[in-house]
Protein backbone atom coordinates (compact mmCIF):
# COMPACT_ATOMS: atom_id res chain seq x y z
CA MET A 1 65.83 -53.16 31.21
CA PHE A 2 68.09 -53.70 34.60
CA ASN A 3 66.56 -53.36 38.14
CA PHE A 4 68.38 -52.34 41.01
CA SER A 5 66.76 -52.05 44.29
CA ASP A 6 67.12 -50.87 47.90
CA SER A 7 65.29 -53.31 50.36
CA SER A 8 66.44 -51.50 53.27
CA ASN A 9 63.45 -48.59 53.10
CA THR A 10 59.97 -49.22 54.08
CA LEU A 11 58.77 -47.99 50.49
CA SER A 12 60.83 -49.91 47.36
CA ARG A 13 63.08 -47.47 45.78
CA ARG A 14 64.46 -49.07 42.41
CA CYS A 15 66.82 -48.03 39.82
CA VAL A 16 65.85 -49.34 36.33
CA TRP A 17 68.10 -49.11 33.29
CA VAL A 18 66.11 -48.69 30.29
CA ASN A 19 67.76 -49.91 26.60
CA GLY A 20 65.63 -47.21 25.04
CA PRO A 21 63.52 -44.09 25.52
CA VAL A 22 61.44 -43.48 28.54
CA ILE A 23 58.08 -41.79 27.20
CA VAL A 24 56.03 -39.59 29.75
CA GLY A 25 52.54 -39.64 28.79
CA ALA A 26 50.51 -42.30 27.95
CA GLY A 27 47.98 -40.04 25.67
CA PRO A 28 47.40 -40.21 21.92
CA SER A 29 50.86 -38.83 21.78
CA GLY A 30 53.17 -41.06 23.91
CA LEU A 31 50.52 -44.09 22.41
CA ALA A 32 51.71 -42.97 18.98
CA VAL A 33 55.46 -42.79 19.61
CA ALA A 34 55.31 -45.96 21.31
CA ALA A 35 53.60 -47.86 18.54
CA GLY A 36 56.40 -46.26 16.16
CA LEU A 37 59.42 -47.52 18.04
CA LYS A 38 57.28 -51.20 18.73
CA LYS A 39 57.40 -51.01 14.63
CA GLN A 40 61.06 -51.04 14.71
CA GLY A 41 62.00 -53.03 17.56
CA VAL A 42 63.22 -50.34 19.95
CA PRO A 43 62.46 -51.51 23.21
CA PHE A 44 60.82 -48.28 25.32
CA VAL A 45 59.29 -47.55 28.89
CA ILE A 46 56.13 -45.41 28.97
CA VAL A 47 54.92 -44.13 32.40
CA GLU A 48 51.54 -42.22 32.96
CA ARG A 49 50.16 -40.76 36.38
CA SER A 50 46.39 -42.06 35.78
CA ASP A 51 45.30 -45.55 35.89
CA CYS A 52 44.68 -45.45 31.94
CA ILE A 53 45.41 -44.12 28.97
CA ALA A 54 43.99 -41.42 27.19
CA SER A 55 42.90 -40.10 31.09
CA LEU A 56 42.25 -36.54 30.05
CA TRP A 57 39.34 -38.08 27.58
CA GLN A 58 37.89 -40.50 29.94
CA LYS A 59 38.06 -38.59 33.01
CA HIS A 60 38.43 -35.15 31.92
CA THR A 61 35.77 -34.44 29.16
CA TYR A 62 32.16 -33.77 29.23
CA ASP A 63 30.04 -36.57 28.11
CA ARG A 64 28.59 -34.56 24.96
CA LEU A 65 31.94 -34.31 23.60
CA LYS A 66 33.07 -35.46 19.64
CA LEU A 67 35.75 -34.86 17.71
CA HIS A 68 35.68 -31.35 16.09
CA LEU A 69 37.16 -32.57 13.29
CA PRO A 70 36.70 -35.26 10.80
CA LYS A 71 37.91 -38.30 11.70
CA GLN A 72 40.29 -38.99 9.19
CA PHE A 73 42.35 -36.03 10.71
CA CYS A 74 42.22 -37.32 13.88
CA GLN A 75 43.46 -40.77 13.59
CA LEU A 76 47.01 -42.16 14.63
CA PRO A 77 49.68 -43.32 12.68
CA ASP A 78 49.11 -46.47 10.86
CA PHE A 79 45.78 -47.12 12.67
CA PRO A 80 42.60 -45.61 10.89
CA PHE A 81 39.26 -45.34 12.62
CA PRO A 82 37.11 -48.15 11.88
CA ASP A 83 34.78 -47.37 9.12
CA HIS A 84 31.48 -47.95 10.64
CA TYR A 85 32.43 -44.76 13.18
CA PRO A 86 30.90 -41.39 12.16
CA ARG A 87 32.87 -38.49 10.64
CA TYR A 88 32.81 -37.09 14.23
CA PRO A 89 33.48 -39.99 16.91
CA ASN A 90 32.09 -39.44 20.07
CA LYS A 91 33.96 -39.54 23.52
CA ARG A 92 33.02 -43.17 23.79
CA GLN A 93 34.06 -44.38 20.48
CA PHE A 94 37.48 -42.28 20.71
CA VAL A 95 38.39 -44.20 23.88
CA GLU A 96 37.55 -47.58 22.36
CA TYR A 97 39.90 -46.21 19.17
CA MET A 98 42.92 -45.39 21.62
CA GLU A 99 42.44 -48.73 23.98
CA SER A 100 42.22 -50.73 20.40
CA TYR A 101 45.52 -49.01 19.26
CA ALA A 102 47.22 -50.06 22.57
CA ALA A 103 46.05 -53.32 22.34
CA HIS A 104 46.91 -53.73 18.68
CA PHE A 105 50.83 -52.76 19.11
CA ASP A 106 50.73 -54.51 22.36
CA ILE A 107 51.63 -50.95 24.39
CA LYS A 108 51.81 -51.25 28.27
CA PRO A 109 51.98 -48.60 29.92
CA HIS A 110 53.35 -48.14 33.52
CA PHE A 111 50.22 -46.68 35.32
CA ASN A 112 49.80 -44.52 38.56
CA GLU A 113 53.61 -43.35 37.89
CA SER A 114 54.13 -39.72 38.21
CA VAL A 115 57.22 -38.09 37.31
CA GLU A 116 58.99 -36.14 39.64
CA THR A 117 61.84 -34.87 38.20
CA ALA A 118 63.60 -35.99 34.66
CA LYS A 119 67.23 -34.28 34.63
CA TYR A 120 70.29 -34.83 32.14
CA ASP A 121 73.16 -35.88 33.67
CA GLU A 122 76.13 -34.46 31.90
CA ALA A 123 78.54 -36.67 33.72
CA CYS A 124 77.26 -39.60 31.86
CA GLY A 125 75.25 -38.38 29.15
CA LEU A 126 72.00 -40.07 30.45
CA TRP A 127 68.51 -38.95 31.59
CA ARG A 128 67.49 -39.64 35.23
CA VAL A 129 63.88 -39.62 35.34
CA ARG A 130 62.16 -40.33 39.08
CA THR A 131 58.93 -41.14 39.38
CA ALA A 132 56.58 -41.94 42.41
CA GLY A 133 53.42 -44.10 42.55
CA ILE A 134 52.10 -47.12 44.20
CA GLY A 135 54.79 -49.22 44.25
CA GLY A 136 56.91 -46.72 45.24
CA GLU A 137 59.96 -44.62 43.54
CA VAL A 138 61.88 -45.71 40.66
CA GLU A 139 64.65 -43.84 39.08
CA TYR A 140 64.99 -44.60 35.39
CA ILE A 141 68.07 -44.09 33.22
CA CYS A 142 67.61 -43.76 29.65
CA GLN A 143 69.70 -42.08 27.06
CA TRP A 144 66.64 -40.94 25.40
CA LEU A 145 63.57 -38.75 27.11
CA VAL A 146 60.20 -38.36 25.40
CA VAL A 147 58.03 -35.97 26.55
CA ALA A 148 54.53 -36.49 25.60
CA THR A 149 52.44 -34.95 28.45
CA GLY A 150 50.76 -32.61 25.91
CA GLU A 151 49.14 -28.94 26.13
CA ASN A 152 46.59 -29.61 28.26
CA ALA A 153 48.30 -31.43 31.64
CA GLU A 154 46.59 -28.91 34.01
CA ARG A 155 43.70 -27.52 34.22
CA ILE A 156 43.60 -23.17 34.48
CA ILE A 157 42.26 -21.49 37.34
CA PRO A 158 41.92 -17.72 36.91
CA ASP A 159 42.50 -15.50 39.83
CA ILE A 160 39.27 -13.50 39.80
CA PRO A 161 38.56 -11.33 42.97
CA GLY A 162 35.67 -12.85 45.17
CA LEU A 163 35.89 -16.12 43.46
CA ASP A 164 36.73 -17.88 46.46
CA GLU A 165 33.86 -16.31 48.75
CA PHE A 166 31.18 -17.50 46.00
CA GLY A 167 28.58 -19.90 47.59
CA GLY A 168 27.81 -21.78 44.61
CA GLU A 169 29.28 -24.44 43.36
CA VAL A 170 32.71 -23.83 41.61
CA ILE A 171 33.70 -26.29 39.04
CA HIS A 172 36.28 -26.25 36.11
CA ALA A 173 35.07 -27.33 32.54
CA CYS A 174 37.24 -30.54 33.28
CA ASP A 175 35.29 -31.73 35.97
CA TYR A 176 31.69 -30.69 34.28
CA LYS A 177 29.89 -34.21 32.81
CA SER A 178 26.22 -33.08 31.71
CA GLY A 179 24.27 -29.81 32.33
CA ASP A 180 21.65 -32.60 34.57
CA LYS A 181 22.71 -31.53 37.96
CA PHE A 182 22.13 -28.03 36.89
CA LYS A 183 18.54 -28.02 35.74
CA GLY A 184 17.00 -24.77 36.46
CA GLN A 185 19.67 -23.18 37.81
CA ARG A 186 21.54 -20.04 36.92
CA VAL A 187 24.53 -21.23 35.28
CA LEU A 188 27.81 -18.56 34.82
CA VAL A 189 30.12 -19.85 32.17
CA VAL A 190 33.61 -18.39 32.25
CA GLY A 191 35.22 -18.70 28.58
CA CYS A 192 33.63 -19.04 25.14
CA GLY A 193 35.92 -21.40 23.36
CA ASN A 194 34.92 -24.60 22.33
CA SER A 195 34.41 -25.93 25.51
CA GLY A 196 32.62 -23.06 26.78
CA MET A 197 30.31 -23.06 23.89
CA GLU A 198 29.52 -26.56 24.35
CA VAL A 199 28.71 -26.20 27.90
CA SER A 200 26.49 -23.70 27.37
CA LEU A 201 24.69 -25.48 24.65
CA ASP A 202 24.53 -28.78 27.34
CA LEU A 203 23.29 -26.36 30.05
CA CYS A 204 20.38 -25.37 27.87
CA ASP A 205 19.90 -28.89 26.41
CA HIS A 206 19.16 -29.98 30.25
CA HIS A 207 17.05 -26.64 31.08
CA ALA A 208 19.46 -24.57 32.97
CA LYS A 209 19.99 -20.96 32.39
CA PRO A 210 23.87 -20.43 31.29
CA ALA A 211 25.31 -16.92 30.84
CA MET A 212 28.53 -17.65 28.99
CA VAL A 213 31.56 -14.98 29.53
CA VAL A 214 32.94 -13.58 26.35
CA ARG A 215 35.53 -11.03 27.47
CA SER A 216 37.56 -10.52 24.23
CA ALA A 217 37.33 -11.36 20.23
CA VAL A 218 36.67 -14.81 18.80
CA HIS A 219 36.32 -16.39 16.04
CA VAL A 220 33.05 -18.75 15.35
CA LEU A 221 33.09 -20.71 12.29
CA PRO A 222 30.44 -23.55 11.25
CA ARG A 223 31.78 -27.11 11.77
CA GLU A 224 30.71 -27.45 8.12
CA ILE A 225 30.35 -25.26 5.26
CA MET A 226 28.41 -26.87 2.03
CA GLY A 227 28.67 -30.39 3.59
CA LYS A 228 32.27 -30.21 3.83
CA SER A 229 34.43 -29.92 6.96
CA THR A 230 35.13 -26.02 7.60
CA PHE A 231 39.47 -27.50 8.36
CA GLU A 232 38.98 -29.68 5.47
CA LEU A 233 38.19 -26.60 3.32
CA ALA A 234 40.57 -24.71 4.63
CA MET A 235 43.20 -27.18 4.13
CA LEU A 236 42.28 -27.67 0.58
CA LEU A 237 42.42 -23.76 -0.30
CA MET A 238 45.75 -23.67 1.24
CA ARG A 239 47.35 -25.94 -1.47
CA TRP A 240 46.59 -23.01 -4.38
CA LEU A 241 46.33 -20.14 -2.29
CA PRO A 242 48.17 -18.07 0.22
CA LEU A 243 46.94 -17.79 3.85
CA TRP A 244 45.87 -14.68 4.57
CA ILE A 245 43.31 -14.94 1.23
CA VAL A 246 42.19 -18.73 3.01
CA ASP A 247 41.50 -16.44 5.92
CA LYS A 248 39.19 -14.03 3.91
CA LEU A 249 37.28 -16.64 2.03
CA VAL A 250 36.60 -18.63 5.15
CA LEU A 251 35.59 -15.86 6.51
CA PHE A 252 33.19 -14.61 3.85
CA LEU A 253 31.56 -18.60 4.09
CA ALA A 254 31.33 -18.08 7.72
CA TRP A 255 29.24 -14.76 7.44
CA MET A 256 27.06 -16.44 4.67
CA VAL A 257 26.31 -19.51 6.88
CA LEU A 258 26.32 -17.60 10.33
CA GLY A 259 26.00 -14.15 9.60
CA ASN A 260 26.47 -11.10 11.88
CA MET A 261 27.27 -12.25 14.71
CA GLU A 262 28.33 -8.96 16.69
CA LYS A 263 24.96 -7.93 17.51
CA TYR A 264 24.89 -10.85 19.72
CA GLY A 265 28.27 -9.97 21.61
CA LEU A 266 30.71 -12.10 19.72
CA LYS A 267 33.29 -9.55 18.00
CA ARG A 268 35.56 -11.38 15.75
CA PRO A 269 39.49 -10.61 15.89
CA SER A 270 41.12 -8.61 13.40
CA THR A 271 43.48 -11.41 12.79
CA GLY A 272 42.14 -14.20 10.27
CA PRO A 273 41.38 -17.15 12.13
CA LEU A 274 44.04 -19.41 10.25
CA GLU A 275 47.17 -16.75 11.03
CA LEU A 276 45.88 -16.84 14.65
CA LYS A 277 45.82 -20.64 14.71
CA ASN A 278 49.58 -20.59 12.77
CA LYS A 279 50.98 -17.77 15.09
CA TYR A 280 49.63 -18.16 18.35
CA GLY A 281 47.73 -21.72 18.77
CA LYS A 282 44.48 -19.91 19.64
CA THR A 283 41.87 -22.56 17.92
CA PRO A 284 38.81 -20.82 16.36
CA VAL A 285 35.53 -22.15 17.96
CA LEU A 286 33.63 -24.47 15.28
CA ASP A 287 29.80 -24.54 16.20
CA VAL A 288 27.67 -27.36 17.07
CA GLY A 289 24.99 -25.67 17.73
CA ALA A 290 25.66 -22.84 20.42
CA LEU A 291 24.81 -19.93 18.07
CA GLU A 292 21.30 -20.83 17.51
CA LYS A 293 20.83 -20.71 21.53
CA ILE A 294 22.77 -17.52 21.55
CA ARG A 295 20.45 -16.17 18.79
CA SER A 296 17.46 -16.98 20.50
CA ARG A 297 18.65 -15.64 24.12
CA GLU A 298 18.31 -18.98 25.71
CA ILE A 299 22.29 -18.57 26.39
CA GLU A 300 23.29 -15.22 27.49
CA VAL A 301 26.48 -13.42 26.34
CA VAL A 302 27.60 -11.23 29.01
CA PRO A 303 31.01 -9.22 29.05
CA GLY A 304 34.06 -9.57 31.43
CA ILE A 305 33.86 -9.87 35.36
CA THR A 306 34.98 -7.59 37.44
CA SER A 307 34.49 -9.49 41.00
CA PHE A 308 32.06 -11.98 42.41
CA SER A 309 30.35 -11.79 45.59
CA LYS A 310 28.61 -14.53 48.01
CA ALA A 311 25.50 -14.97 45.93
CA GLY A 312 26.63 -13.21 42.22
CA VAL A 313 29.07 -11.62 40.20
CA GLU A 314 29.74 -7.64 38.94
CA LEU A 315 30.27 -7.40 35.36
CA VAL A 316 32.40 -4.80 33.78
CA THR A 317 29.93 -2.99 33.12
CA GLY A 318 28.66 -2.59 36.26
CA GLU A 319 26.00 -4.84 36.10
CA LYS A 320 25.48 -7.01 38.82
CA LYS A 321 23.99 -10.80 38.30
CA MET A 322 22.57 -13.60 40.65
CA ILE A 323 24.01 -16.70 40.24
CA ASP A 324 23.62 -20.10 41.36
CA SER A 325 26.86 -22.03 40.16
CA VAL A 326 30.10 -21.44 38.06
CA ILE A 327 31.89 -23.33 35.36
CA LEU A 328 35.41 -22.41 34.61
CA ALA A 329 35.67 -23.01 30.76
CA THR A 330 39.34 -21.35 30.98
CA GLY A 331 41.42 -23.79 29.68
CA TYR A 332 44.59 -25.76 30.62
CA ARG A 333 48.61 -25.69 30.54
CA SER A 334 51.50 -27.76 30.04
CA ASN A 335 53.08 -29.38 33.41
CA VAL A 336 56.29 -29.79 31.73
CA PRO A 337 58.26 -26.54 33.93
CA TYR A 338 57.05 -28.61 37.12
CA TRP A 339 59.04 -31.48 36.30
CA LEU A 340 61.50 -31.08 33.29
CA GLN A 341 64.61 -29.75 35.25
CA GLU A 342 65.66 -28.25 31.50
CA ASN A 343 65.88 -25.11 30.19
CA GLU A 344 67.18 -25.37 26.79
CA MET A 345 64.57 -26.68 24.98
CA PHE A 346 61.19 -26.01 26.76
CA GLY A 347 60.34 -22.38 27.69
CA LYS A 348 58.78 -20.88 30.83
CA ASN A 349 54.92 -21.78 29.68
CA GLY A 350 56.12 -25.36 29.07
CA PHE A 351 56.13 -25.78 25.53
CA PRO A 352 58.99 -25.78 22.92
CA LYS A 353 61.04 -22.86 22.40
CA ASN A 354 61.48 -23.77 18.47
CA PRO A 355 58.36 -23.30 16.42
CA PHE A 356 56.46 -25.67 14.84
CA PRO A 357 57.85 -27.71 12.72
CA ASN A 358 61.28 -27.69 14.37
CA GLY A 359 60.16 -28.32 17.98
CA TRP A 360 60.08 -32.05 18.31
CA LYS A 361 63.72 -32.44 19.14
CA GLY A 362 66.60 -31.03 21.23
CA GLU A 363 69.93 -31.47 22.41
CA GLY A 364 70.79 -34.32 24.66
CA GLY A 365 68.48 -37.21 23.54
CA ILE A 366 65.02 -34.86 24.71
CA TYR A 367 62.16 -34.80 22.35
CA ALA A 368 58.81 -33.40 22.34
CA VAL A 369 55.36 -34.34 21.13
CA GLY A 370 51.71 -32.74 21.30
CA PHE A 371 53.02 -29.36 21.43
CA THR A 372 52.14 -28.44 18.15
CA ARG A 373 49.08 -26.59 18.92
CA ARG A 374 47.90 -28.49 15.59
CA GLY A 375 45.82 -31.43 17.20
CA LEU A 376 45.95 -34.72 17.03
CA ALA A 377 47.27 -34.51 13.31
CA GLY A 378 50.50 -32.56 14.27
CA ALA A 379 50.76 -35.09 17.02
CA SER A 380 50.79 -37.79 15.04
CA ALA A 381 53.53 -35.93 12.57
CA ASP A 382 56.45 -35.83 15.39
CA ALA A 383 55.27 -39.07 16.93
CA VAL A 384 56.54 -40.28 13.44
CA ARG A 385 59.85 -37.99 13.33
CA VAL A 386 60.40 -38.75 16.74
CA SER A 387 60.00 -43.07 16.65
CA GLN A 388 61.91 -42.80 13.25
CA ASP A 389 65.01 -40.45 14.61
CA ILE A 390 65.22 -42.88 18.07
CA ALA A 391 65.21 -45.71 16.20
CA LYS A 392 67.94 -45.02 13.79
CA ILE A 393 70.42 -43.92 16.51
CA TRP A 394 69.31 -46.75 18.64
CA LYS A 395 70.04 -49.28 16.12
CA ASP A 396 73.25 -47.63 14.57
CA ASP A 397 74.43 -47.93 18.69
CA LEU A 398 73.72 -51.11 18.66
CA LYS A 399 75.94 -52.46 15.74
CA GLN A 400 78.59 -50.40 17.38
CA LYS A 401 78.27 -51.98 21.27
CA LYS A 402 77.13 -55.51 19.97
CA LEU A 403 80.27 -57.05 21.16
CA LYS A 404 81.22 -54.19 24.42
CA VAL A 405 79.92 -53.81 27.36
CA PRO A 406 78.36 -50.14 27.85
CA THR A 407 80.76 -47.92 29.96
CA HIS A 408 77.80 -45.56 31.06
CA ARG A 409 76.14 -48.06 33.70
CA ARG A 410 79.29 -47.50 36.20
CA CYS A 411 76.68 -44.04 36.37
CA ILE A 412 74.04 -45.88 37.75
CA SER A 413 73.07 -45.03 41.18
CA THR A 414 72.09 -48.04 43.27
CA PHE A 415 71.01 -45.75 46.24
């Protein structure tokens, strides 16, 4: 790695040649790629806008969070979870696992560096990645760019009439830690995915009065069936049966365990949960106790929202409810379109245009990890592919250029 700086500026502006890839994001996806490259001796730079690894887990998740799938489906390449960890590690244990992973592979991200732009320079066939941070501005020049910022980089705030005028507290689920501060309050939870369900459950446990907005159909499955993870059971069945049959079997078993939930306001989509996940990336809810609270009416299920007022909300049914606080469990989006100046590999939604399993590699040395909508297992699989592909090209190039000075260095701007 070579540095070129311009000391005439008040803030340091440096241009850095990286003899390997630049990895954007130090979450599970970026760390998994870095570990794979480290094993094969390929140099890299990994930049992270936050001040820690796995910042989504460390700073933007609620305290009661646990992995929804058994740990063997969530481990990163070449580093299993400790044997003494429970089947479903909690937030603290997962963060400790990630920190141990980074330490084991000696991965040292450049923290507090936010990517402003990344653009492919056609003239010299290299990527220019500009970052800004506490130490000033940096332009990295590299042959490969690995986009590992993931599916959940930015919160989604819905545009609901009157929300700005509501007089109570409004927070996104990424800022929710526990229901302790909401004790005794009437809290509207907007969203019924895994976060919405668990936040509503946590509010109940802290003696709040949650009402959960369920605007559309949703698949709710038991986390386990007959002592086996529902996900694990589905994967097992898919070895021998087509997906549509597995969907029917899973839904039948879920009905046997949970009963008919439609009478409580939870309607199932016409498309099966596995098909919905494969086609659209929509994850089914894995119940960890919220359904019991819904049956007992401790969690009220309400339909969609028409508008907010200063002290309450009007529902699509015309009913008006007085509420004290609002928690937006409305999900996240990719932030790739905001900084990546490229329109071949990624679409406007910030996801690779090519569907899984072909969305991990683009033209001109760009790669994507963590966009499969298949959780940590999908990110790990892509990380292995990406690190192996880069390592092969890097080693081949090294053999050819051992005695040559790379001609592309003339393209490096020194400001």
